[in-house]
């Protein structure tokens, strides 16, 4: 059985993932290029969904 996410569910999952990446960044004291890349990707995803990422940055 295939179920699809609603737009609101997709937005919430994307926000949650971005916030989790922000927590990892805050806890991680080393420079991590992959983490920075993932943050950039999810920042763009939030933007494409009409969500300003600045509201979720630590």
PDB file of N, CA and C in Angstrom:
ATOM      1  N   UNK A   1       0.832  -1.170   0.000  1.00  0.00           N
ATOM      2  CA  UNK A   1       0.000   0.000   0.000  1.00  0.00           C
ATOM      3  C   UNK A   1       0.882   1.240   0.000  1.00  0.00           C
ATOM      4  N   UNK A   2       0.656   2.124  -0.936  1.00  0.00           N
ATOM      5  CA  UNK A   2       1.439   3.350  -1.050  1.00  0.00           C
ATOM      6  C   UNK A   2       0.607   4.516  -0.530  1.00  0.00           C
ATOM      7  N   UNK A   3       1.176   5.241   0.426  1.00  0.00           N
ATOM      8  CA  UNK A   3       0.501   6.442   0.901  1.00  0.00           C
ATOM      9  C   UNK A   3       1.386   7.636   0.608  1.00  0.00           C
ATOM     10  N   UNK A   4       0.772   8.725   0.245  1.00  0.00           N
ATOM     11  CA  UNK A   4       1.525   9.931  -0.078  1.00  0.00           C
ATOM     12  C   UNK A   4       1.400  10.931   1.058  1.00  0.00           C
ATOM     13  N   UNK A   5       2.457  11.717   1.235  1.00  0.00           N
ATOM     14  CA  UNK A   5       2.443  12.767   2.236  1.00  0.00           C
ATOM     15  C   UNK A   5       1.674  13.970   1.718  1.00  0.00           C
ATOM     16  N   UNK A   6       1.003  14.621   2.627  1.00  0.00           N
ATOM     17  CA  UNK A   6       0.390  15.888   2.264  1.00  0.00           C
ATOM     18  C   UNK A   6       1.486  16.945   2.235  1.00  0.00           C
ATOM     19  N   UNK A   7       1.188  18.097   1.679  1.00  0.00           N
ATOM     20  CA  UNK A   7       2.171  19.180   1.638  1.00  0.00           C
ATOM     21  C   UNK A   7       2.558  19.609   3.041  1.00  0.00           C
ATOM     22  N   UNK A   8       1.592  19.668   3.941  1.00  0.00           N
ATOM     23  CA  UNK A   8       1.897  20.044   5.326  1.00  0.00           C
ATOM     24  C   UNK A   8       2.817  19.026   5.998  1.00  0.00           C
ATOM     25  N   UNK A   9       2.594  17.749   5.735  1.00  0.00           N
ATOM     26  CA  UNK A   9       3.470  16.718   6.294  1.00  0.00           C
ATOM     27  C   UNK A   9       4.876  16.835   5.725  1.00  0.00           C
ATOM     28  N   UNK A  10       4.982  17.080   4.428  1.00  0.00           N
ATOM     29  CA  UNK A  10       6.291  17.250   3.792  1.00  0.00           C
ATOM     30  C   UNK A  10       7.024  18.439   4.385  1.00  0.00           C
ATOM     31  N   UNK A  11       6.315  19.536   4.585  1.00  0.00           N
ATOM     32  CA  UNK A  11       6.928  20.728   5.188  1.00  0.00           C
ATOM     33  C   UNK A  11       7.441  20.411   6.588  1.00  0.00           C
ATOM     34  N   UNK A  12       6.633  19.716   7.387  1.00  0.00           N
ATOM     35  CA  UNK A  12       7.035  19.412   8.761  1.00  0.00           C
ATOM     36  C   UNK A  12       8.244  18.489   8.806  1.00  0.00           C
ATOM     37  N   UNK A  13       8.273  17.484   7.962  1.00  0.00           N
ATOM     38  CA  UNK A  13       9.421  16.567   7.909  1.00  0.00           C
ATOM     39  C   UNK A  13      10.683  17.320   7.506  1.00  0.00           C
ATOM     40  N   UNK A  14      10.573  18.218   6.536  1.00  0.00           N
ATOM     41  CA  UNK A  14      11.722  18.992   6.074  1.00  0.00           C
ATOM     42  C   UNK A  14      12.213  19.938   7.161  1.00  0.00           C
ATOM     43  N   UNK A  15      11.299  20.588   7.856  1.00  0.00           N
ATOM     44  CA  UNK A  15      11.668  21.474   8.971  1.00  0.00           C
ATOM     45  C   UNK A  15      12.375  20.664  10.049  1.00  0.00           C
ATOM     46  N   UNK A  16      11.803  19.532  10.420  1.00  0.00           N
ATOM     47  CA  UNK A  16      12.404  18.692  11.466  1.00  0.00           C
ATOM     48  C   UNK A  16      13.820  18.259  11.098  1.00  0.00           C
ATOM     49  N   UNK A  17      14.022  17.860   9.859  1.00  0.00           N
ATOM     50  CA  UNK A  17      15.347  17.418   9.415  1.00  0.00           C
ATOM     51  C   UNK A  17      16.334  18.581   9.477  1.00  0.00           C
ATOM     52  N   UNK A  18      15.906  19.756   9.021  1.00  0.00           N
ATOM     53  CA  UNK A  18      16.789  20.926   9.041  1.00  0.00           C
ATOM     54  C   UNK A  18      17.158  21.293  10.473  1.00  0.00           C
ATOM     55  N   UNK A  19      16.192  21.259  11.368  1.00  0.00           N
ATOM     56  CA  UNK A  19      16.466  21.575  12.775  1.00  0.00           C
ATOM     57  C   UNK A  19      17.435  20.555  13.374  1.00  0.00           C
ATOM     58  N   UNK A  20      17.278  19.283  13.029  1.00  0.00           N
ATOM     59  CA  UNK A  20      18.210  18.262  13.514  1.00  0.00           C
ATOM     60  C   UNK A  20      19.624  18.518  13.007  1.00  0.00           C
ATOM     61  N   UNK A  21      19.759  18.915  11.745  1.00  0.00           N
ATOM     62  CA  UNK A  21      21.080  19.260  11.213  1.00  0.00           C
ATOM     63  C   UNK A  21      21.665  20.452  11.959  1.00  0.00           C
ATOM     64  N   UNK A  22      20.831  21.422  12.288  1.00  0.00           N
ATOM     65  CA  UNK A  22      21.293  22.587  13.054  1.00  0.00           C
ATOM     66  C   UNK A  22      21.814  22.162  14.428  1.00  0.00           C
ATOM     67  N   UNK A  23      21.118  21.222  15.067  1.00  0.00           N
ATOM     68  CA  UNK A  23      21.576  20.725  16.379  1.00  0.00           C
ATOM     69  C   UNK A  23      22.929  20.031  16.262  1.00  0.00           C
ATOM     70  N   UNK A  24      23.096  19.236  15.217  1.00  0.00           N
ATOM     71  CA  UNK A  24      24.365  18.548  14.998  1.00  0.00           C
ATOM     72  C   UNK A  24      25.467  19.571  14.788  1.00  0.00           C
ATOM     73  N   UNK A  25      25.193  20.597  13.997  1.00  0.00           N
ATOM     74  CA  UNK A  25      26.193  21.632  13.738  1.00  0.00           C
ATOM     75  C   UNK A  25      26.597  22.322  15.032  1.00  0.00           C
ATOM     76  N   UNK A  26      25.623  22.631  15.874  1.00  0.00           N
ATOM     77  CA  UNK A  26      25.918  23.319  17.133  1.00  0.00           C
ATOM     78  C   UNK A  26      26.757  22.442  18.058  1.00  0.00           C
ATOM     79  N   UNK A  27      26.481  21.140  18.079  1.00  0.00           N
ATOM     80  CA  UNK A  27      27.208  20.222  18.953  1.00  0.00           C
ATOM     81  C   UNK A  27      28.584  19.864  18.405  1.00  0.00           C
ATOM     82  N   UNK A  28      28.762  19.970  17.089  1.00  0.00           N
ATOM     83  CA  UNK A  28      30.000  19.578  16.438  1.00  0.00           C
ATOM     84  C   UNK A  28      30.946  20.770  16.377  1.00  0.00           C
ATOM     85  N   UNK A  29      32.109  20.649  16.982  1.00  0.00           N
ATOM     86  CA  UNK A  29      33.069  21.755  16.990  1.00  0.00           C
ATOM     87  C   UNK A  29      34.038  21.709  15.811  1.00  0.00           C
ATOM     88  N   UNK A  30      34.089  20.587  15.107  1.00  0.00           N
ATOM     89  CA  UNK A  30      34.980  20.467  13.951  1.00  0.00           C
ATOM     90  C   UNK A  30      34.274  20.954  12.690  1.00  0.00           C
ATOM     91  N   UNK A  31      35.070  21.374  11.707  1.00  0.00           N
ATOM     92  CA  UNK A  31      34.508  21.749  10.405  1.00  0.00           C
ATOM     93  C   UNK A  31      34.103  20.478   9.683  1.00  0.00           C
ATOM     94  N   UNK A  32      32.862  20.449   9.223  1.00  0.00           N
ATOM     95  CA  UNK A  32      32.338  19.256   8.571  1.00  0.00           C
ATOM     96  C   UNK A  32      31.723  19.660   7.236  1.00  0.00           C
ATOM     97  N   UNK A  33      32.456  19.491   6.131  1.00  0.00           N
ATOM     98  CA  UNK A  33      31.947  19.909   4.823  1.00  0.00           C
ATOM     99  C   UNK A  33      30.646  19.213   4.425  1.00  0.00           C
ATOM    100  N   UNK A  34      30.481  17.949   4.767  1.00  0.00           N
ATOM    101  CA  UNK A  34      29.244  17.233   4.423  1.00  0.00           C
ATOM    102  C   UNK A  34      28.054  17.823   5.164  1.00  0.00           C
ATOM    103  N   UNK A  35      28.236  18.142   6.426  1.00  0.00           N
ATOM    104  CA  UNK A  35      27.166  18.761   7.207  1.00  0.00           C
ATOM    105  C   UNK A  35      26.781  20.114   6.606  1.00  0.00           C
ATOM    106  N   UNK A  36      27.771  20.906   6.238  1.00  0.00           N
ATOM    107  CA  UNK A  36      27.503  22.206   5.614  1.00  0.00           C
ATOM    108  C   UNK A  36      26.743  22.039   4.299  1.00  0.00           C
ATOM    109  N   UNK A  37      27.101  21.029   3.530  1.00  0.00           N
ATOM    110  CA  UNK A  37      26.430  20.753   2.261  1.00  0.00           C
ATOM    111  C   UNK A  37      24.970  20.348   2.498  1.00  0.00           C
ATOM    112  N   UNK A  38      24.748  19.470   3.470  1.00  0.00           N
ATOM    113  CA  UNK A  38      23.387  19.041   3.801  1.00  0.00           C
ATOM    114  C   UNK A  38      22.531  20.214   4.288  1.00  0.00           C
ATOM    115  N   UNK A  39      23.124  21.091   5.087  1.00  0.00           N
ATOM    116  CA  UNK A  39      22.399  22.279   5.543  1.00  0.00           C
ATOM    117  C   UNK A  39      21.998  23.155   4.365  1.00  0.00           C
ATOM    118  N   UNK A  40      22.906  23.312   3.412  1.00  0.00           N
ATOM    119  CA  UNK A  40      22.614  24.120   2.226  1.00  0.00           C
ATOM    120  C   UNK A  40      21.469  23.501   1.417  1.00  0.00           C
ATOM    121  N   UNK A  41      21.501  22.188   1.258  1.00  0.00           N
ATOM    122  CA  UNK A  41      20.445  21.495   0.514  1.00  0.00           C
ATOM    123  C   UNK A  41      19.091  21.687   1.189  1.00  0.00           C
ATOM    124  N   UNK A  42      19.049  21.475   2.490  1.00  0.00           N
ATOM    125  CA  UNK A  42      17.773  21.586   3.190  1.00  0.00           C
ATOM    126  C   UNK A  42      17.306  23.030   3.309  1.00  0.00           C
ATOM    127  N   UNK A  43      18.225  23.967   3.336  1.00  0.00           N
ATOM    128  CA  UNK A  43      17.847  25.381   3.315  1.00  0.00           C
ATOM    129  C   UNK A  43      17.153  25.698   1.987  1.00  0.00           C
ATOM    130  N   UNK A  44      17.674  25.167   0.903  1.00  0.00           N
ATOM    131  CA  UNK A  44      17.049  25.358  -0.407  1.00  0.00           C
ATOM    132  C   UNK A  44      15.702  24.646  -0.492  1.00  0.00           C
ATOM    133  N   UNK A  45      15.590  23.450   0.095  1.00  0.00           N
ATOM    134  CA  UNK A  45      14.313  22.748   0.102  1.00  0.00           C
ATOM    135  C   UNK A  45      13.252  23.545   0.861  1.00  0.00           C
ATOM    136  N   UNK A  46      13.639  24.090   2.014  1.00  0.00           N
ATOM    137  CA  UNK A  46      12.699  24.912   2.768  1.00  0.00           C
ATOM    138  C   UNK A  46      12.258  26.115   1.944  1.00  0.00           C
ATOM    139  N   UNK A  47      13.210  26.738   1.295  1.00  0.00           N
ATOM    140  CA  UNK A  47      12.897  27.897   0.458  1.00  0.00           C
ATOM    141  C   UNK A  47      11.922  27.526  -0.653  1.00  0.00           C
ATOM    142  N   UNK A  48      12.134  26.379  -1.278  1.00  0.00           N
ATOM    143  CA  UNK A  48      11.249  25.960  -2.368  1.00  0.00           C
ATOM    144  C   UNK A  48       9.836  25.650  -1.863  1.00  0.00           C
ATOM    145  N   UNK A  49       9.712  25.340  -0.563  1.00  0.00           N
ATOM    146  CA  UNK A  49       8.406  25.100   0.034  1.00  0.00           C
ATOM    147  C   UNK A  49       7.789  26.381   0.605  1.00  0.00           C
ATOM    148  N   UNK A  50       8.510  27.509   0.438  1.00  0.00           N
ATOM    149  CA  UNK A  50       8.004  28.790   0.921  1.00  0.00           C
ATOM    150  C   UNK A  50       8.218  29.021   2.406  1.00  0.00           C
ATOM    151  N   UNK A  51       9.200  28.312   2.986  1.00  0.00           N
ATOM    152  CA  UNK A  51       9.472  28.415   4.421  1.00  0.00           C
ATOM    153  C   UNK A  51      10.818  29.118   4.608  1.00  0.00           C
ATOM    154  N   UNK A  52      10.843  30.262   5.315  1.00  0.00           N
ATOM    155  CA  UNK A  52      12.120  30.939   5.560  1.00  0.00           C
ATOM    156  C   UNK A  52      12.958  30.154   6.586  1.00  0.00           C
ATOM    157  N   UNK A  53      14.129  29.726   6.183  1.00  0.00           N
ATOM    158  CA  UNK A  53      14.968  28.897   7.056  1.00  0.00           C
ATOM    159  C   UNK A  53      15.528  29.686   8.253  1.00  0.00           C
ATOM    160  N   UNK A  54      15.573  30.995   8.124  1.00  0.00           N
ATOM    161  CA  UNK A  54      16.126  31.818   9.201  1.00  0.00           C
ATOM    162  C   UNK A  54      15.371  31.625  10.513  1.00  0.00           C
ATOM    163  N   UNK A  55      14.087  31.279  10.427  1.00  0.00           N
ATOM    164  CA  UNK A  55      13.288  31.074  11.626  1.00  0.00           C
ATOM    165  C   UNK A  55      13.730  29.846  12.411  1.00  0.00           C
ATOM    166  N   UNK A  56      14.477  28.956  11.775  1.00  0.00           N
ATOM    167  CA  UNK A  56      14.850  27.697  12.398  1.00  0.00           C
ATOM    168  C   UNK A  56      16.340  27.575  12.661  1.00  0.00           C
ATOM    169  N   UNK A  57      17.094  28.641  12.442  1.00  0.00           N
ATOM    170  CA  UNK A  57      18.538  28.592  12.661  1.00  0.00           C
ATOM    171  C   UNK A  57      18.843  28.868  14.127  1.00  0.00           C
ATOM    172  N   UNK A  58      19.847  28.177  14.619  1.00  0.00           N
ATOM    173  CA  UNK A  58      20.247  28.332  16.026  1.00  0.00           C
ATOM    174  C   UNK A  58      21.269  29.422  16.147  1.00  0.00           C
TER     175      UNK A  58
END
